[in-house]
């Protein structure tokens, strides 16, 4: 009888942990989606942003800047494309964005 109770308790703990992890991923998806919508991103720019946002760890929230220069360049380029910037306006935007 005790073995059955311990087994049921172990299964319940395992399932609750998986549910919490799923909720965490769902919350992250909602947050990233809301951020992308707020920035009015569409197409490839949105896909790039969502990918970067969803890969962010708990220690590095989605609102923080990308860790590497290459990631920063991709993010800034996607934002500039989303805003349809060209010429000097794009250069100025990229310069400011990369300095952050």
PDB file of N, CA and C in Angstrom:
ATOM      1  N   UNK A   1       0.816  -1.196   0.000  1.00  0.00           N
ATOM      2  CA  UNK A   1       0.000   0.000   0.000  1.00  0.00           C
ATOM      3  C   UNK A   1       0.866   1.270   0.000  1.00  0.00           C
ATOM      4  N   UNK A   2       1.922   1.269   0.795  1.00  0.00           N
ATOM      5  CA  UNK A   2       2.812   2.416   0.859  1.00  0.00           C
ATOM      6  C   UNK A   2       3.557   2.597  -0.464  1.00  0.00           C
ATOM      7  N   UNK A   3       3.915   1.507  -1.097  1.00  0.00           N
ATOM      8  CA  UNK A   3       4.629   1.568  -2.369  1.00  0.00           C
ATOM      9  C   UNK A   3       3.746   2.230  -3.430  1.00  0.00           C
ATOM     10  N   UNK A   4       2.467   1.931  -3.413  1.00  0.00           N
ATOM     11  CA  UNK A   4       1.528   2.515  -4.367  1.00  0.00           C
ATOM     12  C   UNK A   4       1.422   4.025  -4.140  1.00  0.00           C
ATOM     13  N   UNK A   5       1.360   4.425  -2.890  1.00  0.00           N
ATOM     14  CA  UNK A   5       1.258   5.853  -2.578  1.00  0.00           C
ATOM     15  C   UNK A   5       2.507   6.611  -3.015  1.00  0.00           C
ATOM     16  N   UNK A   6       3.670   6.027  -2.735  1.00  0.00           N
ATOM     17  CA  UNK A   6       4.927   6.671  -3.116  1.00  0.00           C
ATOM     18  C   UNK A   6       5.019   6.772  -4.638  1.00  0.00           C
ATOM     19  N   UNK A   7       4.625   5.726  -5.330  1.00  0.00           N
ATOM     20  CA  UNK A   7       4.644   5.742  -6.792  1.00  0.00           C
ATOM     21  C   UNK A   7       3.710   6.809  -7.341  1.00  0.00           C
ATOM     22  N   UNK A   8       2.507   6.910  -6.798  1.00  0.00           N
ATOM     23  CA  UNK A   8       1.552   7.916  -7.246  1.00  0.00           C
ATOM     24  C   UNK A   8       2.063   9.326  -6.971  1.00  0.00           C
ATOM     25  N   UNK A   9       2.698   9.513  -5.837  1.00  0.00           N
ATOM     26  CA  UNK A   9       3.266  10.810  -5.491  1.00  0.00           C
ATOM     27  C   UNK A   9       4.378  11.192  -6.475  1.00  0.00           C
ATOM     28  N   UNK A  10       5.231  10.230  -6.818  1.00  0.00           N
ATOM     29  CA  UNK A  10       6.323  10.487  -7.765  1.00  0.00           C
ATOM     30  C   UNK A  10       5.773  10.863  -9.134  1.00  0.00           C
ATOM     31  N   UNK A  11       4.750  10.168  -9.592  1.00  0.00           N
ATOM     32  CA  UNK A  11       4.135  10.470 -10.884  1.00  0.00           C
ATOM     33  C   UNK A  11       3.501  11.861 -10.858  1.00  0.00           C
ATOM     34  N   UNK A  12       2.830  12.196  -9.776  1.00  0.00           N
ATOM     35  CA  UNK A  12       2.192  13.508  -9.649  1.00  0.00           C
ATOM     36  C   UNK A  12       3.237  14.629  -9.687  1.00  0.00           C
ATOM     37  N   UNK A  13       4.350  14.443  -9.013  1.00  0.00           N
ATOM     38  CA  UNK A  13       5.413  15.451  -9.021  1.00  0.00           C
ATOM     39  C   UNK A  13       6.018  15.600 -10.419  1.00  0.00           C
ATOM     40  N   UNK A  14       6.209  14.505 -11.095  1.00  0.00           N
ATOM     41  CA  UNK A  14       6.755  14.552 -12.445  1.00  0.00           C
ATOM     42  C   UNK A  14       5.829  15.305 -13.391  1.00  0.00           C
ATOM     43  N   UNK A  15       4.557  15.037 -13.332  1.00  0.00           N
ATOM     44  CA  UNK A  15       3.582  15.703 -14.197  1.00  0.00           C
ATOM     45  C   UNK A  15       3.471  17.193 -13.879  1.00  0.00           C
ATOM     46  N   UNK A  16       3.501  17.542 -12.603  1.00  0.00           N
ATOM     47  CA  UNK A  16       3.389  18.958 -12.240  1.00  0.00           C
ATOM     48  C   UNK A  16       4.592  19.750 -12.732  1.00  0.00           C
ATOM     49  N   UNK A  17       5.773  19.137 -12.727  1.00  0.00           N
ATOM     50  CA  UNK A  17       6.968  19.806 -13.223  1.00  0.00           C
ATOM     51  C   UNK A  17       6.860  20.060 -14.723  1.00  0.00           C
ATOM     52  N   UNK A  18       6.337  19.075 -15.460  1.00  0.00           N
ATOM     53  CA  UNK A  18       6.185  19.234 -16.902  1.00  0.00           C
ATOM     54  C   UNK A  18       5.148  20.301 -17.228  1.00  0.00           C
ATOM     55  N   UNK A  19       4.098  20.382 -16.475  1.00  0.00           N
ATOM     56  CA  UNK A  19       3.060  21.391 -16.703  1.00  0.00           C
ATOM     57  C   UNK A  19       3.633  22.781 -16.461  1.00  0.00           C
ATOM     58  N   UNK A  20       4.444  22.933 -15.408  1.00  0.00           N
ATOM     59  CA  UNK A  20       5.039  24.237 -15.117  1.00  0.00           C
ATOM     60  C   UNK A  20       5.995  24.655 -16.234  1.00  0.00           C
ATOM     61  N   UNK A  21       6.759  23.709 -16.780  1.00  0.00           N
ATOM     62  CA  UNK A  21       7.673  24.031 -17.873  1.00  0.00           C
ATOM     63  C   UNK A  21       6.890  24.449 -19.114  1.00  0.00           C
ATOM     64  N   UNK A  22       5.788  23.768 -19.387  1.00  0.00           N
ATOM     65  CA  UNK A  22       4.964  24.126 -20.540  1.00  0.00           C
ATOM     66  C   UNK A  22       4.369  25.518 -20.368  1.00  0.00           C
ATOM     67  N   UNK A  23       3.917  25.837 -19.170  1.00  0.00           N
ATOM     68  CA  UNK A  23       3.358  27.161 -18.909  1.00  0.00           C
ATOM     69  C   UNK A  23       4.421  28.241 -19.073  1.00  0.00           C
ATOM     70  N   UNK A  24       5.645  27.944 -18.654  1.00  0.00           N
ATOM     71  CA  UNK A  24       6.729  28.902 -18.792  1.00  0.00           C
ATOM     72  C   UNK A  24       6.993  29.201 -20.268  1.00  0.00           C
ATOM     73  N   UNK A  25       7.024  28.158 -21.103  1.00  0.00           N
ATOM     74  CA  UNK A  25       7.249  28.352 -22.537  1.00  0.00           C
ATOM     75  C   UNK A  25       6.086  29.116 -23.167  1.00  0.00           C
ATOM     76  N   UNK A  26       4.867  28.813 -22.732  1.00  0.00           N
ATOM     77  CA  UNK A  26       3.704  29.525 -23.249  1.00  0.00           C
ATOM     78  C   UNK A  26       3.766  31.002 -22.877  1.00  0.00           C
ATOM     79  N   UNK A  27       4.166  31.286 -21.655  1.00  0.00           N
ATOM     80  CA  UNK A  27       4.281  32.681 -21.220  1.00  0.00           C
ATOM     81  C   UNK A  27       5.340  33.414 -22.043  1.00  0.00           C
ATOM     82  N   UNK A  28       6.457  32.726 -22.316  1.00  0.00           N
ATOM     83  CA  UNK A  28       7.521  33.320 -23.105  1.00  0.00           C
ATOM     84  C   UNK A  28       7.024  33.617 -24.521  1.00  0.00           C
ATOM     85  N   UNK A  29       6.269  32.674 -25.095  1.00  0.00           N
ATOM     86  CA  UNK A  29       5.731  32.849 -26.445  1.00  0.00           C
ATOM     87  C   UNK A  29       4.773  34.042 -26.488  1.00  0.00           C
ATOM     88  N   UNK A  30       3.893  34.151 -25.470  1.00  0.00           N
ATOM     89  CA  UNK A  30       2.956  35.278 -25.418  1.00  0.00           C
ATOM     90  C   UNK A  30       3.702  36.600 -25.328  1.00  0.00           C
ATOM     91  N   UNK A  31       4.724  36.638 -24.492  1.00  0.00           N
ATOM     92  CA  UNK A  31       5.491  37.858 -24.295  1.00  0.00           C
ATOM     93  C   UNK A  31       6.215  38.274 -25.580  1.00  0.00           C
ATOM     94  N   UNK A  32       6.877  37.312 -26.217  1.00  0.00           N
ATOM     95  CA  UNK A  32       7.600  37.614 -27.460  1.00  0.00           C
ATOM     96  C   UNK A  32       6.634  38.052 -28.561  1.00  0.00           C
ATOM     97  N   UNK A  33       5.498  37.391 -28.636  1.00  0.00           N
ATOM     98  CA  UNK A  33       4.502  37.733 -29.643  1.00  0.00           C
ATOM     99  C   UNK A  33       3.975  39.152 -29.423  1.00  0.00           C
ATOM    100  N   UNK A  34       3.723  39.495 -28.172  1.00  0.00           N
ATOM    101  CA  UNK A  34       3.239  40.842 -27.856  1.00  0.00           C
ATOM    102  C   UNK A  34       4.292  41.894 -28.209  1.00  0.00           C
ATOM    103  N   UNK A  35       5.566  41.594 -27.932  1.00  0.00           N
ATOM    104  CA  UNK A  35       6.644  42.530 -28.260  1.00  0.00           C
ATOM    105  C   UNK A  35       6.755  42.727 -29.774  1.00  0.00           C
ATOM    106  N   UNK A  36       6.650  41.631 -30.525  1.00  0.00           N
ATOM    107  CA  UNK A  36       6.733  41.718 -31.984  1.00  0.00           C
ATOM    108  C   UNK A  36       5.564  42.523 -32.550  1.00  0.00           C
ATOM    109  N   UNK A  37       4.388  42.335 -31.980  1.00  0.00           N
ATOM    110  CA  UNK A  37       3.216  43.081 -32.420  1.00  0.00           C
ATOM    111  C   UNK A  37       3.365  44.565 -32.098  1.00  0.00           C
ATOM    112  N   UNK A  38       3.895  44.864 -30.912  1.00  0.00           N
ATOM    113  CA  UNK A  38       4.089  46.254 -30.513  1.00  0.00           C
ATOM    114  C   UNK A  38       5.082  46.962 -31.436  1.00  0.00           C
ATOM    115  N   UNK A  39       6.055  46.224 -31.944  1.00  0.00           N
ATOM    116  CA  UNK A  39       7.038  46.807 -32.857  1.00  0.00           C
ATOM    117  C   UNK A  39       6.556  46.777 -34.310  1.00  0.00           C
ATOM    118  N   UNK A  40       5.365  46.258 -34.536  1.00  0.00           N
ATOM    119  CA  UNK A  40       4.770  46.153 -35.878  1.00  0.00           C
ATOM    120  C   UNK A  40       5.660  45.401 -36.860  1.00  0.00           C
ATOM    121  N   UNK A  41       6.281  44.336 -36.389  1.00  0.00           N
ATOM    122  CA  UNK A  41       7.165  43.545 -37.242  1.00  0.00           C
ATOM    123  C   UNK A  41       6.343  42.592 -38.101  1.00  0.00           C
ATOM    124  N   UNK A  42       6.802  42.392 -39.326  1.00  0.00           N
ATOM    125  CA  UNK A  42       6.115  41.501 -40.260  1.00  0.00           C
ATOM    126  C   UNK A  42       7.140  40.685 -41.034  1.00  0.00           C
ATOM    127  N   UNK A  43       6.746  39.549 -41.552  1.00  0.00           N
ATOM    128  CA  UNK A  43       7.577  38.723 -42.419  1.00  0.00           C
ATOM    129  C   UNK A  43       8.863  38.245 -41.776  1.00  0.00           C
ATOM    130  N   UNK A  44       9.965  38.368 -42.521  1.00  0.00           N
ATOM    131  CA  UNK A  44      11.267  37.884 -42.055  1.00  0.00           C
ATOM    132  C   UNK A  44      11.738  38.611 -40.797  1.00  0.00           C
ATOM    133  N   UNK A  45      11.427  39.888 -40.706  1.00  0.00           N
ATOM    134  CA  UNK A  45      11.836  40.656 -39.528  1.00  0.00           C
ATOM    135  C   UNK A  45      11.164  40.084 -38.276  1.00  0.00           C
ATOM    136  N   UNK A  46       9.897  39.734 -38.391  1.00  0.00           N
ATOM    137  CA  UNK A  46       9.176  39.156 -37.254  1.00  0.00           C
ATOM    138  C   UNK A  46       9.741  37.782 -36.906  1.00  0.00           C
ATOM    139  N   UNK A  47      10.023  36.981 -37.937  1.00  0.00           N
ATOM    140  CA  UNK A  47      10.578  35.649 -37.695  1.00  0.00           C
ATOM    141  C   UNK A  47      11.928  35.722 -36.986  1.00  0.00           C
ATOM    142  N   UNK A  48      12.768  36.646 -37.421  1.00  0.00           N
ATOM    143  CA  UNK A  48      14.077  36.823 -36.800  1.00  0.00           C
ATOM    144  C   UNK A  48      13.917  37.269 -35.346  1.00  0.00           C
ATOM    145  N   UNK A  49      13.040  38.227 -35.128  1.00  0.00           N
ATOM    146  CA  UNK A  49      12.813  38.716 -33.775  1.00  0.00           C
ATOM    147  C   UNK A  49      12.277  37.605 -32.868  1.00  0.00           C
ATOM    148  N   UNK A  50      11.285  36.855 -33.352  1.00  0.00           N
ATOM    149  CA  UNK A  50      10.683  35.785 -32.548  1.00  0.00           C
ATOM    150  C   UNK A  50      11.712  34.712 -32.214  1.00  0.00           C
ATOM    151  N   UNK A  51      12.547  34.379 -33.165  1.00  0.00           N
ATOM    152  CA  UNK A  51      13.579  33.370 -32.932  1.00  0.00           C
ATOM    153  C   UNK A  51      14.544  33.828 -31.844  1.00  0.00           C
ATOM    154  N   UNK A  52      15.004  35.056 -31.956  1.00  0.00           N
ATOM    155  CA  UNK A  52      15.926  35.606 -30.966  1.00  0.00           C
ATOM    156  C   UNK A  52      15.258  35.700 -29.595  1.00  0.00           C
ATOM    157  N   UNK A  53      14.035  36.156 -29.577  1.00  0.00           N
ATOM    158  CA  UNK A  53      13.301  36.329 -28.327  1.00  0.00           C
ATOM    159  C   UNK A  53      13.074  34.989 -27.628  1.00  0.00           C
ATOM    160  N   UNK A  54      12.670  33.993 -28.369  1.00  0.00           N
ATOM    161  CA  UNK A  54      12.364  32.688 -27.773  1.00  0.00           C
ATOM    162  C   UNK A  54      13.613  31.956 -27.316  1.00  0.00           C
ATOM    163  N   UNK A  55      14.766  32.278 -27.907  1.00  0.00           N
ATOM    164  CA  UNK A  55      16.017  31.638 -27.493  1.00  0.00           C
ATOM    165  C   UNK A  55      16.592  32.275 -26.240  1.00  0.00           C
ATOM    166  N   UNK A  56      16.114  33.455 -25.883  1.00  0.00           N
ATOM    167  CA  UNK A  56      16.618  34.161 -24.710  1.00  0.00           C
ATOM    168  C   UNK A  56      16.366  33.317 -23.461  1.00  0.00           C
ATOM    169  N   UNK A  57      17.335  33.280 -22.580  1.00  0.00           N
ATOM    170  CA  UNK A  57      17.203  32.501 -21.345  1.00  0.00           C
ATOM    171  C   UNK A  57      16.591  33.351 -20.247  1.00  0.00           C
ATOM    172  N   UNK A  58      16.274  32.726 -19.146  1.00  0.00           N
ATOM    173  CA  UNK A  58      15.678  33.436 -18.020  1.00  0.00           C
ATOM    174  C   UNK A  58      16.645  34.488 -17.469  1.00  0.00           C
ATOM    175  N   UNK A  59      17.955  34.214 -17.529  1.00  0.00           N
ATOM    176  CA  UNK A  59      18.925  35.175 -17.022  1.00  0.00           C
ATOM    177  C   UNK A  59      19.111  36.354 -17.974  1.00  0.00           C
ATOM    178  N   UNK A  60      18.731  36.170 -19.240  1.00  0.00           N
ATOM    179  CA  UNK A  60      18.809  37.249 -20.218  1.00  0.00           C
ATOM    180  C   UNK A  60      17.436  37.447 -20.834  1.00  0.00           C
ATOM    181  N   UNK A  61      16.599  38.287 -20.225  1.00  0.00           N
ATOM    182  CA  UNK A  61      15.241  38.465 -20.716  1.00  0.00           C
ATOM    183  C   UNK A  61      15.196  38.961 -22.153  1.00  0.00           C
ATOM    184  N   UNK A  62      14.067  38.740 -22.805  1.00  0.00           N
ATOM    185  CA  UNK A  62      13.902  39.090 -24.213  1.00  0.00           C
ATOM    186  C   UNK A  62      14.115  40.583 -24.454  1.00  0.00           C
ATOM    187  N   UNK A  63      13.851  41.423 -23.456  1.00  0.00           N
ATOM    188  CA  UNK A  63      13.973  42.866 -23.626  1.00  0.00           C
ATOM    189  C   UNK A  63      15.428  43.322 -23.665  1.00  0.00           C
ATOM    190  N   UNK A  64      16.367  42.468 -23.238  1.00  0.00           N
ATOM    191  CA  UNK A  64      17.766  42.876 -23.237  1.00  0.00           C
ATOM    192  C   UNK A  64      18.361  42.749 -24.634  1.00  0.00           C
ATOM    193  N   UNK A  65      19.497  43.381 -24.847  1.00  0.00           N
ATOM    194  CA  UNK A  65      20.148  43.354 -26.148  1.00  0.00           C
ATOM    195  C   UNK A  65      20.764  41.987 -26.384  1.00  0.00           C
ATOM    196  N   UNK A  66      20.886  41.590 -27.643  1.00  0.00           N
ATOM    197  CA  UNK A  66      21.526  40.317 -27.961  1.00  0.00           C
ATOM    198  C   UNK A  66      22.969  40.305 -27.479  1.00  0.00           C
ATOM    199  N   UNK A  67      23.458  39.130 -27.128  1.00  0.00           N
ATOM    200  CA  UNK A  67      24.776  39.006 -26.513  1.00  0.00           C
ATOM    201  C   UNK A  67      25.919  39.252 -27.502  1.00  0.00           C
ATOM    202  N   UNK A  68      25.838  38.736 -28.704  1.00  0.00           N
ATOM    203  CA  UNK A  68      26.953  38.857 -29.630  1.00  0.00           C
ATOM    204  C   UNK A  68      26.729  39.993 -30.620  1.00  0.00           C
ATOM    205  N   UNK A  69      27.824  40.437 -31.216  1.00  0.00           N
ATOM    206  CA  UNK A  69      27.745  41.509 -32.214  1.00  0.00           C
ATOM    207  C   UNK A  69      26.940  41.043 -33.426  1.00  0.00           C
ATOM    208  N   UNK A  70      27.098  39.770 -33.788  1.00  0.00           N
ATOM    209  CA  UNK A  70      26.372  39.242 -34.943  1.00  0.00           C
ATOM    210  C   UNK A  70      24.864  39.241 -34.671  1.00  0.00           C
ATOM    211  N   UNK A  71      24.468  38.834 -33.467  1.00  0.00           N
ATOM    212  CA  UNK A  71      23.049  38.844 -33.114  1.00  0.00           C
ATOM    213  C   UNK A  71      22.506  40.266 -33.098  1.00  0.00           C
ATOM    214  N   UNK A  72      23.322  41.186 -32.582  1.00  0.00           N
ATOM    215  CA  UNK A  72      22.914  42.590 -32.527  1.00  0.00           C
ATOM    216  C   UNK A  72      22.721  43.133 -33.945  1.00  0.00           C
ATOM    217  N   UNK A  73      23.633  42.772 -34.842  1.00  0.00           N
ATOM    218  CA  UNK A  73      23.549  43.224 -36.228  1.00  0.00           C
ATOM    219  C   UNK A  73      22.290  42.678 -36.891  1.00  0.00           C
ATOM    220  N   UNK A  74      21.981  41.400 -36.669  1.00  0.00           N
ATOM    221  CA  UNK A  74      20.775  40.792 -37.243  1.00  0.00           C
ATOM    222  C   UNK A  74      19.524  41.500 -36.738  1.00  0.00           C
ATOM    223  N   UNK A  75      19.484  41.743 -35.430  1.00  0.00           N
ATOM    224  CA  UNK A  75      18.323  42.376 -34.827  1.00  0.00           C
ATOM    225  C   UNK A  75      18.127  43.802 -35.358  1.00  0.00           C
ATOM    226  N   UNK A  76      19.201  44.572 -35.401  1.00  0.00           N
ATOM    227  CA  UNK A  76      19.114  45.946 -35.887  1.00  0.00           C
ATOM    228  C   UNK A  76      18.732  45.976 -37.366  1.00  0.00           C
ATOM    229  N   UNK A  77      19.293  45.051 -38.143  1.00  0.00           N
ATOM    230  CA  UNK A  77      18.987  44.981 -39.564  1.00  0.00           C
ATOM    231  C   UNK A  77      17.514  44.635 -39.777  1.00  0.00           C
ATOM    232  N   UNK A  78      17.002  43.699 -38.979  1.00  0.00           N
ATOM    233  CA  UNK A  78      15.593  43.326 -39.086  1.00  0.00           C
ATOM    234  C   UNK A  78      14.688  44.499 -38.726  1.00  0.00           C
ATOM    235  N   UNK A  79      15.057  45.236 -37.686  1.00  0.00           N
ATOM    236  CA  UNK A  79      14.267  46.405 -37.290  1.00  0.00           C
ATOM    237  C   UNK A  79      14.288  47.486 -38.378  1.00  0.00           C
ATOM    238  N   UNK A  80      15.453  47.717 -38.984  1.00  0.00           N
ATOM    239  CA  UNK A  80      15.567  48.716 -40.041  1.00  0.00           C
ATOM    240  C   UNK A  80      14.744  48.303 -41.259  1.00  0.00           C
ATOM    241  N   UNK A  81      14.776  47.012 -41.576  1.00  0.00           N
ATOM    242  CA  UNK A  81      13.981  46.515 -42.711  1.00  0.00           C
ATOM    243  C   UNK A  81      12.491  46.638 -42.426  1.00  0.00           C
ATOM    244  N   UNK A  82      12.097  46.352 -41.196  1.00  0.00           N
ATOM    245  CA  UNK A  82      10.687  46.441 -40.819  1.00  0.00           C
ATOM    246  C   UNK A  82      10.181  47.876 -40.944  1.00  0.00           C
ATOM    247  N   UNK A  83      11.070  48.825 -40.696  1.00  0.00           N
ATOM    248  CA  UNK A  83      10.697  50.233 -40.795  1.00  0.00           C
ATOM    249  C   UNK A  83      10.906  50.786 -42.205  1.00  0.00           C
ATOM    250  N   UNK A  84      11.337  49.935 -43.130  1.00  0.00           N
ATOM    251  CA  UNK A  84      11.575  50.315 -44.535  1.00  0.00           C
ATOM    252  C   UNK A  84      12.533  51.499 -44.663  1.00  0.00           C
ATOM    253  N   UNK A  85      13.584  51.496 -43.849  1.00  0.00           N
ATOM    254  CA  UNK A  85      14.561  52.579 -43.894  1.00  0.00           C
ATOM    255  C   UNK A  85      15.542  52.351 -45.030  1.00  0.00           C
ATOM    256  N   UNK A  86      15.956  53.447 -45.683  1.00  0.00           N
ATOM    257  CA  UNK A  86      16.891  53.368 -46.805  1.00  0.00           C
ATOM    258  C   UNK A  86      17.871  54.537 -46.722  1.00  0.00           C
ATOM    259  N   UNK A  87      19.037  54.360 -47.322  1.00  0.00           N
ATOM    260  CA  UNK A  87      20.029  55.431 -47.435  1.00  0.00           C
ATOM    261  C   UNK A  87      20.557  55.927 -46.104  1.00  0.00           C
ATOM    262  N   UNK A  88      20.642  57.260 -45.986  1.00  0.00           N
ATOM    263  CA  UNK A  88      21.213  57.882 -44.786  1.00  0.00           C
ATOM    264  C   UNK A  88      20.393  57.585 -43.539  1.00  0.00           C
ATOM    265  N   UNK A  89      19.073  57.496 -43.691  1.00  0.00           N
ATOM    266  CA  UNK A  89      18.222  57.210 -42.528  1.00  0.00           C
ATOM    267  C   UNK A  89      18.542  55.821 -41.977  1.00  0.00           C
ATOM    268  N   UNK A  90      18.781  54.858 -42.873  1.00  0.00           N
ATOM    269  CA  UNK A  90      19.107  53.499 -42.437  1.00  0.00           C
ATOM    270  C   UNK A  90      20.476  53.475 -41.750  1.00  0.00           C
ATOM    271  N   UNK A  91      21.449  54.193 -42.338  1.00  0.00           N
ATOM    272  CA  UNK A  91      22.790  54.241 -41.748  1.00  0.00           C
ATOM    273  C   UNK A  91      22.740  54.824 -40.337  1.00  0.00           C
ATOM    274  N   UNK A  92      21.994  55.911 -40.178  1.00  0.00           N
ATOM    275  CA  UNK A  92      21.883  56.558 -38.865  1.00  0.00           C
ATOM    276  C   UNK A  92      21.201  55.621 -37.866  1.00  0.00           C
ATOM    277  N   UNK A  93      20.144  54.960 -38.318  1.00  0.00           N
ATOM    278  CA  UNK A  93      19.434  54.034 -37.438  1.00  0.00           C
ATOM    279  C   UNK A  93      20.350  52.880 -37.017  1.00  0.00           C
ATOM    280  N   UNK A  94      21.056  52.290 -37.979  1.00  0.00           N
ATOM    281  CA  UNK A  94      21.947  51.168 -37.687  1.00  0.00           C
ATOM    282  C   UNK A  94      23.052  51.581 -36.720  1.00  0.00           C
ATOM    283  N   UNK A  95      23.602  52.752 -36.923  1.00  0.00           N
ATOM    284  CA  UNK A  95      24.657  53.243 -36.052  1.00  0.00           C
ATOM    285  C   UNK A  95      24.160  53.362 -34.606  1.00  0.00           C
ATOM    286  N   UNK A  96      23.006  53.983 -34.454  1.00  0.00           N
ATOM    287  CA  UNK A  96      22.431  54.159 -33.121  1.00  0.00           C
ATOM    288  C   UNK A  96      22.086  52.809 -32.495  1.00  0.00           C
ATOM    289  N   UNK A  97      21.473  51.945 -33.285  1.00  0.00           N
ATOM    290  CA  UNK A  97      21.040  50.642 -32.792  1.00  0.00           C
ATOM    291  C   UNK A  97      22.242  49.790 -32.335  1.00  0.00           C
ATOM    292  N   UNK A  98      23.308  49.787 -33.109  1.00  0.00           N
ATOM    293  CA  UNK A  98      24.467  48.960 -32.789  1.00  0.00           C
ATOM    294  C   UNK A  98      25.242  49.475 -31.590  1.00  0.00           C
ATOM    295  N   UNK A  99      25.102  50.765 -31.257  1.00  0.00           N
ATOM    296  CA  UNK A  99      25.802  51.334 -30.113  1.00  0.00           C
ATOM    297  C   UNK A  99      25.108  51.003 -28.788  1.00  0.00           C
ATOM    298  N   UNK A 100      23.852  50.586 -28.862  1.00  0.00           N
ATOM    299  CA  UNK A 100      23.108  50.280 -27.629  1.00  0.00           C
ATOM    300  C   UNK A 100      23.665  49.059 -26.943  1.00  0.00           C
TER     301      UNK A 100
END
